[in-house]
Amino acid sequence: MHCFHHEHSLGWGTLALLTALLAQSKGRSAFGWFLLSLLLGPLATLLLLLASRRPTRYDRSF
Protein backbone atom coordinates (compact mmCIF):
# COMPACT_ATOMS: atom_id res chain seq x y z
CA MET A 1 0.00 0.00 0.00
CA HIS A 2 2.88 2.34 0.72
CA CYS A 3 4.18 1.97 -2.85
CA PHE A 4 0.79 2.92 -4.30
CA HIS A 5 0.77 6.16 -2.30
CA HIS A 6 4.24 7.07 -3.58
CA GLU A 7 3.25 6.37 -7.20
CA HIS A 8 0.05 8.38 -6.80
CA SER A 9 1.99 11.36 -5.42
CA LEU A 10 4.51 11.13 -8.23
CA GLY A 11 1.76 11.09 -10.85
CA TRP A 12 -0.05 14.02 -9.21
CA GLY A 13 3.18 16.07 -9.15
CA THR A 14 3.96 15.21 -12.76
CA LEU A 15 0.48 16.29 -13.82
CA ALA A 16 0.96 19.56 -11.93
CA LEU A 17 4.22 20.21 -13.81
CA LEU A 18 2.60 19.45 -17.16
CA THR A 19 -0.29 21.73 -16.29
CA ALA A 20 2.17 24.52 -15.47
CA LEU A 21 3.86 24.08 -18.86
CA LEU A 22 0.50 24.16 -20.61
CA ALA A 23 -0.47 27.30 -18.70
CA GLN A 24 2.75 29.01 -19.71
CA SER A 25 2.17 28.12 -23.36
CA LYS A 26 -1.29 29.72 -23.11
CA GLY A 27 0.12 32.94 -21.62
CA ARG A 28 -1.12 32.21 -18.11
CA SER A 29 0.61 31.98 -14.75
CA ALA A 30 2.59 28.74 -14.66
CA PHE A 31 3.12 28.95 -10.89
CA GLY A 32 -0.52 29.72 -10.17
CA TRP A 33 -1.75 26.84 -12.30
CA PHE A 34 0.88 24.56 -10.76
CA LEU A 35 -0.50 25.30 -7.29
CA LEU A 36 -4.09 24.97 -8.48
CA SER A 37 -3.25 21.64 -10.07
CA LEU A 38 -1.71 20.38 -6.83
CA LEU A 39 -5.05 21.10 -5.15
CA LEU A 40 -7.47 20.05 -7.89
CA GLY A 41 -5.41 17.59 -9.92
CA PRO A 42 -6.89 16.55 -13.25
CA LEU A 43 -9.80 18.97 -12.84
CA ALA A 44 -7.40 21.95 -13.04
CA THR A 45 -5.81 20.48 -16.16
CA LEU A 46 -9.22 20.06 -17.76
CA LEU A 47 -10.19 23.64 -16.91
CA LEU A 48 -6.96 24.91 -18.45
CA LEU A 49 -7.48 22.83 -21.59
CA LEU A 50 -10.90 24.40 -22.01
CA ALA A 51 -9.61 27.93 -21.37
CA SER A 52 -8.73 30.08 -24.33
CA ARG A 53 -5.26 31.41 -24.92
CA ARG A 54 -4.65 34.75 -23.25
CA PRO A 55 -3.80 37.38 -25.88
CA THR A 56 -0.36 38.96 -25.70
CA ARG A 57 0.53 42.51 -26.59
CA TYR A 58 1.78 41.22 -29.93
CA ASP A 59 -1.61 39.65 -30.73
CA ARG A 60 -3.41 42.96 -30.69
CA SER A 61 -4.15 44.54 -34.02
CA PHE A 62 -4.17 48.32 -34.42
PDB file of N, CA and C in Angstrom:
ATOM      1  N   MET A   1       0.823  -1.192   0.000  1.00  0.00           N
ATOM      2  CA  MET A   1       0.000   0.000   0.000  1.00  0.00           C
ATOM      3  C   MET A   1       0.865   1.251   0.000  1.00  0.00           C
ATOM      4  N   HIS A   2       1.991   1.194   0.665  1.00  0.00           N
ATOM      5  CA  HIS A   2       2.885   2.344   0.718  1.00  0.00           C
ATOM      6  C   HIS A   2       3.398   2.699  -0.674  1.00  0.00           C
ATOM      7  N   CYS A   3       3.683   1.740  -1.497  1.00  0.00           N
ATOM      8  CA  CYS A   3       4.177   1.970  -2.852  1.00  0.00           C
ATOM      9  C   CYS A   3       3.118   2.667  -3.707  1.00  0.00           C
ATOM     10  N   PHE A   4       1.870   2.292  -3.541  1.00  0.00           N
ATOM     11  CA  PHE A   4       0.791   2.923  -4.299  1.00  0.00           C
ATOM     12  C   PHE A   4       0.705   4.413  -3.978  1.00  0.00           C
ATOM     13  N   HIS A   5       0.840   4.761  -2.706  1.00  0.00           N
ATOM     14  CA  HIS A   5       0.770   6.161  -2.296  1.00  0.00           C
ATOM     15  C   HIS A   5       1.899   6.963  -2.933  1.00  0.00           C
ATOM     16  N   HIS A   6       3.082   6.393  -2.976  1.00  0.00           N
ATOM     17  CA  HIS A   6       4.236   7.066  -3.582  1.00  0.00           C
ATOM     18  C   HIS A   6       4.006   7.273  -5.084  1.00  0.00           C
ATOM     19  N   GLU A   7       3.519   6.262  -5.766  1.00  0.00           N
ATOM     20  CA  GLU A   7       3.251   6.373  -7.203  1.00  0.00           C
ATOM     21  C   GLU A   7       2.148   7.390  -7.483  1.00  0.00           C
ATOM     22  N   HIS A   8       1.138   7.422  -6.638  1.00  0.00           N
ATOM     23  CA  HIS A   8       0.048   8.380  -6.797  1.00  0.00           C
ATOM     24  C   HIS A   8       0.571   9.802  -6.636  1.00  0.00           C
ATOM     25  N   SER A   9       1.410  10.035  -5.652  1.00  0.00           N
ATOM     26  CA  SER A   9       1.985  11.364  -5.425  1.00  0.00           C
ATOM     27  C   SER A   9       2.880  11.775  -6.578  1.00  0.00           C
ATOM     28  N   LEU A  10       3.635  10.842  -7.096  1.00  0.00           N
ATOM     29  CA  LEU A  10       4.514  11.131  -8.232  1.00  0.00           C
ATOM     30  C   LEU A  10       3.694  11.501  -9.468  1.00  0.00           C
ATOM     31  N   GLY A  11       2.626  10.790  -9.718  1.00  0.00           N
ATOM     32  CA  GLY A  11       1.757  11.089 -10.852  1.00  0.00           C
ATOM     33  C   GLY A  11       1.068  12.432 -10.694  1.00  0.00           C
ATOM     34  N   TRP A  12       0.620  12.746  -9.478  1.00  0.00           N
ATOM     35  CA  TRP A  12      -0.052  14.018  -9.210  1.00  0.00           C
ATOM     36  C   TRP A  12       0.920  15.179  -9.433  1.00  0.00           C
ATOM     37  N   GLY A  13       2.158  15.028  -8.968  1.00  0.00           N
ATOM     38  CA  GLY A  13       3.177  16.066  -9.154  1.00  0.00           C
ATOM     39  C   GLY A  13       3.558  16.244 -10.614  1.00  0.00           C
ATOM     40  N   THR A  14       3.647  15.139 -11.336  1.00  0.00           N
ATOM     41  CA  THR A  14       3.958  15.206 -12.764  1.00  0.00           C
ATOM     42  C   THR A  14       2.845  15.917 -13.524  1.00  0.00           C
ATOM     43  N   LEU A  15       1.611  15.609 -13.188  1.00  0.00           N
ATOM     44  CA  LEU A  15       0.479  16.287 -13.820  1.00  0.00           C
ATOM     45  C   LEU A  15       0.509  17.784 -13.515  1.00  0.00           C
ATOM     46  N   ALA A  16       0.872  18.147 -12.300  1.00  0.00           N
ATOM     47  CA  ALA A  16       0.957  19.564 -11.930  1.00  0.00           C
ATOM     48  C   ALA A  16       2.026  20.274 -12.757  1.00  0.00           C
ATOM     49  N   LEU A  17       3.157  19.620 -12.980  1.00  0.00           N
ATOM     50  CA  LEU A  17       4.216  20.215 -13.812  1.00  0.00           C
ATOM     51  C   LEU A  17       3.765  20.363 -15.258  1.00  0.00           C
ATOM     52  N   LEU A  18       3.105  19.370 -15.783  1.00  0.00           N
ATOM     53  CA  LEU A  18       2.603  19.449 -17.155  1.00  0.00           C
ATOM     54  C   LEU A  18       1.534  20.537 -17.292  1.00  0.00           C
ATOM     55  N   THR A  19       0.717  20.680 -16.281  1.00  0.00           N
ATOM     56  CA  THR A  19      -0.295  21.729 -16.293  1.00  0.00           C
ATOM     57  C   THR A  19       0.366  23.101 -16.280  1.00  0.00           C
ATOM     58  N   ALA A  20       1.438  23.253 -15.510  1.00  0.00           N
ATOM     59  CA  ALA A  20       2.168  24.521 -15.472  1.00  0.00           C
ATOM     60  C   ALA A  20       2.766  24.849 -16.837  1.00  0.00           C
ATOM     61  N   LEU A  21       3.311  23.851 -17.511  1.00  0.00           N
ATOM     62  CA  LEU A  21       3.859  24.076 -18.856  1.00  0.00           C
ATOM     63  C   LEU A  21       2.765  24.469 -19.838  1.00  0.00           C
ATOM     64  N   LEU A  22       1.631  23.825 -19.745  1.00  0.00           N
ATOM     65  CA  LEU A  22       0.503  24.160 -20.608  1.00  0.00           C
ATOM     66  C   LEU A  22       0.024  25.583 -20.331  1.00  0.00           C
ATOM     67  N   ALA A  23      -0.046  25.952 -19.068  1.00  0.00           N
ATOM     68  CA  ALA A  23      -0.474  27.305 -18.701  1.00  0.00           C
ATOM     69  C   ALA A  23       0.480  28.348 -19.282  1.00  0.00           C
ATOM     70  N   GLN A  24       1.762  28.083 -19.175  1.00  0.00           N
ATOM     71  CA  GLN A  24       2.751  29.013 -19.713  1.00  0.00           C
ATOM     72  C   GLN A  24       2.601  29.152 -21.227  1.00  0.00           C
ATOM     73  N   SER A  25       2.323  28.057 -21.908  1.00  0.00           N
ATOM     74  CA  SER A  25       2.168  28.117 -23.359  1.00  0.00           C
ATOM     75  C   SER A  25       0.900  28.875 -23.762  1.00  0.00           C
ATOM     76  N   LYS A  26      -0.056  28.984 -22.835  1.00  0.00           N
ATOM     77  CA  LYS A  26      -1.291  29.722 -23.106  1.00  0.00           C
ATOM     78  C   LYS A  26      -1.220  31.154 -22.576  1.00  0.00           C
ATOM     79  N   GLY A  27      -0.043  31.584 -22.119  1.00  0.00           N
ATOM     80  CA  GLY A  27       0.123  32.944 -21.621  1.00  0.00           C
ATOM     81  C   GLY A  27      -0.461  33.162 -20.236  1.00  0.00           C
ATOM     82  N   ARG A  28      -0.565  32.124 -19.463  1.00  0.00           N
ATOM     83  CA  ARG A  28      -1.123  32.214 -18.111  1.00  0.00           C
ATOM     84  C   ARG A  28      -0.042  31.922 -17.082  1.00  0.00           C
ATOM     85  N   SER A  29      -0.351  32.150 -15.834  1.00  0.00           N
ATOM     86  CA  SER A  29       0.613  31.984 -14.754  1.00  0.00           C
ATOM     87  C   SER A  29       0.945  30.504 -14.533  1.00  0.00           C
ATOM     88  N   ALA A  30       2.173  30.137 -14.843  1.00  0.00           N
ATOM     89  CA  ALA A  30       2.587  28.741 -14.660  1.00  0.00           C
ATOM     90  C   ALA A  30       2.569  28.365 -13.178  1.00  0.00           C
ATOM     91  N   PHE A  31       3.066  29.251 -12.326  1.00  0.00           N
ATOM     92  CA  PHE A  31       3.121  28.952 -10.894  1.00  0.00           C
ATOM     93  C   PHE A  31       1.718  28.849 -10.299  1.00  0.00           C
ATOM     94  N   GLY A  32       0.850  29.757 -10.676  1.00  0.00           N
ATOM     95  CA  GLY A  32      -0.517  29.724 -10.170  1.00  0.00           C
ATOM     96  C   GLY A  32      -1.247  28.456 -10.569  1.00  0.00           C
ATOM     97  N   TRP A  33      -1.096  28.061 -11.831  1.00  0.00           N
ATOM     98  CA  TRP A  33      -1.753  26.844 -12.298  1.00  0.00           C
ATOM     99  C   TRP A  33      -1.095  25.596 -11.719  1.00  0.00           C
ATOM    100  N   PHE A  34       0.199  25.666 -11.424  1.00  0.00           N
ATOM    101  CA  PHE A  34       0.876  24.556 -10.756  1.00  0.00           C
ATOM    102  C   PHE A  34       0.250  24.330  -9.383  1.00  0.00           C
ATOM    103  N   LEU A  35       0.093  25.418  -8.625  1.00  0.00           N
ATOM    104  CA  LEU A  35      -0.500  25.296  -7.290  1.00  0.00           C
ATOM    105  C   LEU A  35      -1.951  24.826  -7.368  1.00  0.00           C
ATOM    106  N   LEU A  36      -2.696  25.378  -8.307  1.00  0.00           N
ATOM    107  CA  LEU A  36      -4.086  24.965  -8.477  1.00  0.00           C
ATOM    108  C   LEU A  36      -4.177  23.485  -8.842  1.00  0.00           C
ATOM    109  N   SER A  37      -3.249  23.040  -9.666  1.00  0.00           N
ATOM    110  CA  SER A  37      -3.247  21.640 -10.069  1.00  0.00           C
ATOM    111  C   SER A  37      -2.871  20.716  -8.910  1.00  0.00           C
ATOM    112  N   LEU A  38      -2.025  21.187  -8.013  1.00  0.00           N
ATOM    113  CA  LEU A  38      -1.711  20.376  -6.831  1.00  0.00           C
ATOM    114  C   LEU A  38      -2.961  20.182  -5.973  1.00  0.00           C
ATOM    115  N   LEU A  39      -3.824  21.196  -5.956  1.00  0.00           N
ATOM    116  CA  LEU A  39      -5.047  21.102  -5.155  1.00  0.00           C
ATOM    117  C   LEU A  39      -6.151  20.332  -5.869  1.00  0.00           C
ATOM    118  N   LEU A  40      -6.333  20.610  -7.156  1.00  0.00           N
ATOM    119  CA  LEU A  40      -7.472  20.050  -7.886  1.00  0.00           C
ATOM    120  C   LEU A  40      -7.127  18.881  -8.801  1.00  0.00           C
ATOM    121  N   GLY A  41      -5.847  18.696  -9.080  1.00  0.00           N
ATOM    122  CA  GLY A  41      -5.405  17.588  -9.920  1.00  0.00           C
ATOM    123  C   GLY A  41      -5.921  17.677 -11.336  1.00  0.00           C
ATOM    124  N   PRO A  42      -6.446  16.597 -11.857  1.00  0.00           N
ATOM    125  CA  PRO A  42      -6.893  16.552 -13.250  1.00  0.00           C
ATOM    126  C   PRO A  42      -7.988  17.575 -13.581  1.00  0.00           C
ATOM    127  N   LEU A  43      -8.761  17.980 -12.596  1.00  0.00           N
ATOM    128  CA  LEU A  43      -9.801  18.975 -12.845  1.00  0.00           C
ATOM    129  C   LEU A  43      -9.179  20.309 -13.274  1.00  0.00           C
ATOM    130  N   ALA A  44      -8.083  20.708 -12.646  1.00  0.00           N
ATOM    131  CA  ALA A  44      -7.397  21.947 -13.035  1.00  0.00           C
ATOM    132  C   ALA A  44      -6.868  21.839 -14.461  1.00  0.00           C
ATOM    133  N   THR A  45      -6.318  20.685 -14.807  1.00  0.00           N
ATOM    134  CA  THR A  45      -5.806  20.484 -16.159  1.00  0.00           C
ATOM    135  C   THR A  45      -6.938  20.582 -17.177  1.00  0.00           C
ATOM    136  N   LEU A  46      -8.062  19.990 -16.863  1.00  0.00           N
ATOM    137  CA  LEU A  46      -9.218  20.059 -17.757  1.00  0.00           C
ATOM    138  C   LEU A  46      -9.702  21.500 -17.926  1.00  0.00           C
ATOM    139  N   LEU A  47      -9.774  22.238 -16.831  1.00  0.00           N
ATOM    140  CA  LEU A  47     -10.185  23.643 -16.909  1.00  0.00           C
ATOM    141  C   LEU A  47      -9.233  24.446 -17.788  1.00  0.00           C
ATOM    142  N   LEU A  48      -7.957  24.193 -17.654  1.00  0.00           N
ATOM    143  CA  LEU A  48      -6.962  24.912 -18.454  1.00  0.00           C
ATOM    144  C   LEU A  48      -7.059  24.519 -19.924  1.00  0.00           C
ATOM    145  N   LEU A  49      -7.315  23.260 -20.201  1.00  0.00           N
ATOM    146  CA  LEU A  49      -7.476  22.829 -21.589  1.00  0.00           C
ATOM    147  C   LEU A  49      -8.675  23.509 -22.249  1.00  0.00           C
ATOM    148  N   LEU A  50      -9.716  23.758 -21.480  1.00  0.00           N
ATOM    149  CA  LEU A  50     -10.905  24.399 -22.008  1.00  0.00           C
ATOM    150  C   LEU A  50     -10.766  25.919 -22.100  1.00  0.00           C
ATOM    151  N   ALA A  51      -9.813  26.477 -21.364  1.00  0.00           N
ATOM    152  CA  ALA A  51      -9.612  27.931 -21.365  1.00  0.00           C
ATOM    153  C   ALA A  51      -8.959  28.369 -22.674  1.00  0.00           C
ATOM    154  N   SER A  52      -9.338  29.555 -23.112  1.00  0.00           N
ATOM    155  CA  SER A  52      -8.733  30.082 -24.332  1.00  0.00           C
ATOM    156  C   SER A  52      -7.354  30.657 -24.016  1.00  0.00           C
ATOM    157  N   ARG A  53      -6.598  30.841 -25.066  1.00  0.00           N
ATOM    158  CA  ARG A  53      -5.261  31.405 -24.916  1.00  0.00           C
ATOM    159  C   ARG A  53      -5.392  32.882 -24.586  1.00  0.00           C
ATOM    160  N   ARG A  54      -4.622  33.344 -23.632  1.00  0.00           N
ATOM    161  CA  ARG A  54      -4.647  34.753 -23.250  1.00  0.00           C
ATOM    162  C   ARG A  54      -3.877  35.553 -24.295  1.00  0.00           C
ATOM    163  N   PRO A  55      -4.497  36.602 -24.843  1.00  0.00           N
ATOM    164  CA  PRO A  55      -3.804  37.383 -25.879  1.00  0.00           C
ATOM    165  C   PRO A  55      -2.591  38.120 -25.311  1.00  0.00           C
ATOM    166  N   THR A  56      -1.552  38.211 -26.102  1.00  0.00           N
ATOM    167  CA  THR A  56      -0.364  38.964 -25.700  1.00  0.00           C
ATOM    168  C   THR A  56      -0.404  40.330 -26.341  1.00  0.00           C
ATOM    169  N   ARG A  57       0.526  41.182 -25.999  1.00  0.00           N
ATOM    170  CA  ARG A  57       0.534  42.509 -26.590  1.00  0.00           C
ATOM    171  C   ARG A  57       0.850  42.456 -28.072  1.00  0.00           C
ATOM    172  N   TYR A  58       1.460  41.374 -28.528  1.00  0.00           N
ATOM    173  CA  TYR A  58       1.776  41.219 -29.934  1.00  0.00           C
ATOM    174  C   TYR A  58       0.578  40.711 -30.754  1.00  0.00           C
ATOM    175  N   ASP A  59      -0.417  40.160 -30.060  1.00  0.00           N
ATOM    176  CA  ASP A  59      -1.607  39.647 -30.734  1.00  0.00           C
ATOM    177  C   ASP A  59      -2.599  40.743 -31.094  1.00  0.00           C
ATOM    178  N   ARG A  60      -2.467  41.879 -30.470  1.00  0.00           N
ATOM    179  CA  ARG A  60      -3.413  42.964 -30.689  1.00  0.00           C
ATOM    180  C   ARG A  60      -3.190  43.601 -32.056  1.00  0.00           C
ATOM    181  N   SER A  61      -4.262  43.865 -32.728  1.00  0.00           N
ATOM    182  CA  SER A  61      -4.150  44.545 -34.024  1.00  0.00           C
ATOM    183  C   SER A  61      -4.577  45.999 -33.861  1.00  0.00           C
ATOM    184  N   PHE A  62      -3.862  46.869 -34.516  1.00  0.00           N
ATOM    185  CA  PHE A  62      -4.168  48.321 -34.417  1.00  0.00           C
ATOM    186  C   PHE A  62      -4.720  48.815 -35.710  1.00  0.00           C
TER     187      PHE A  62
END
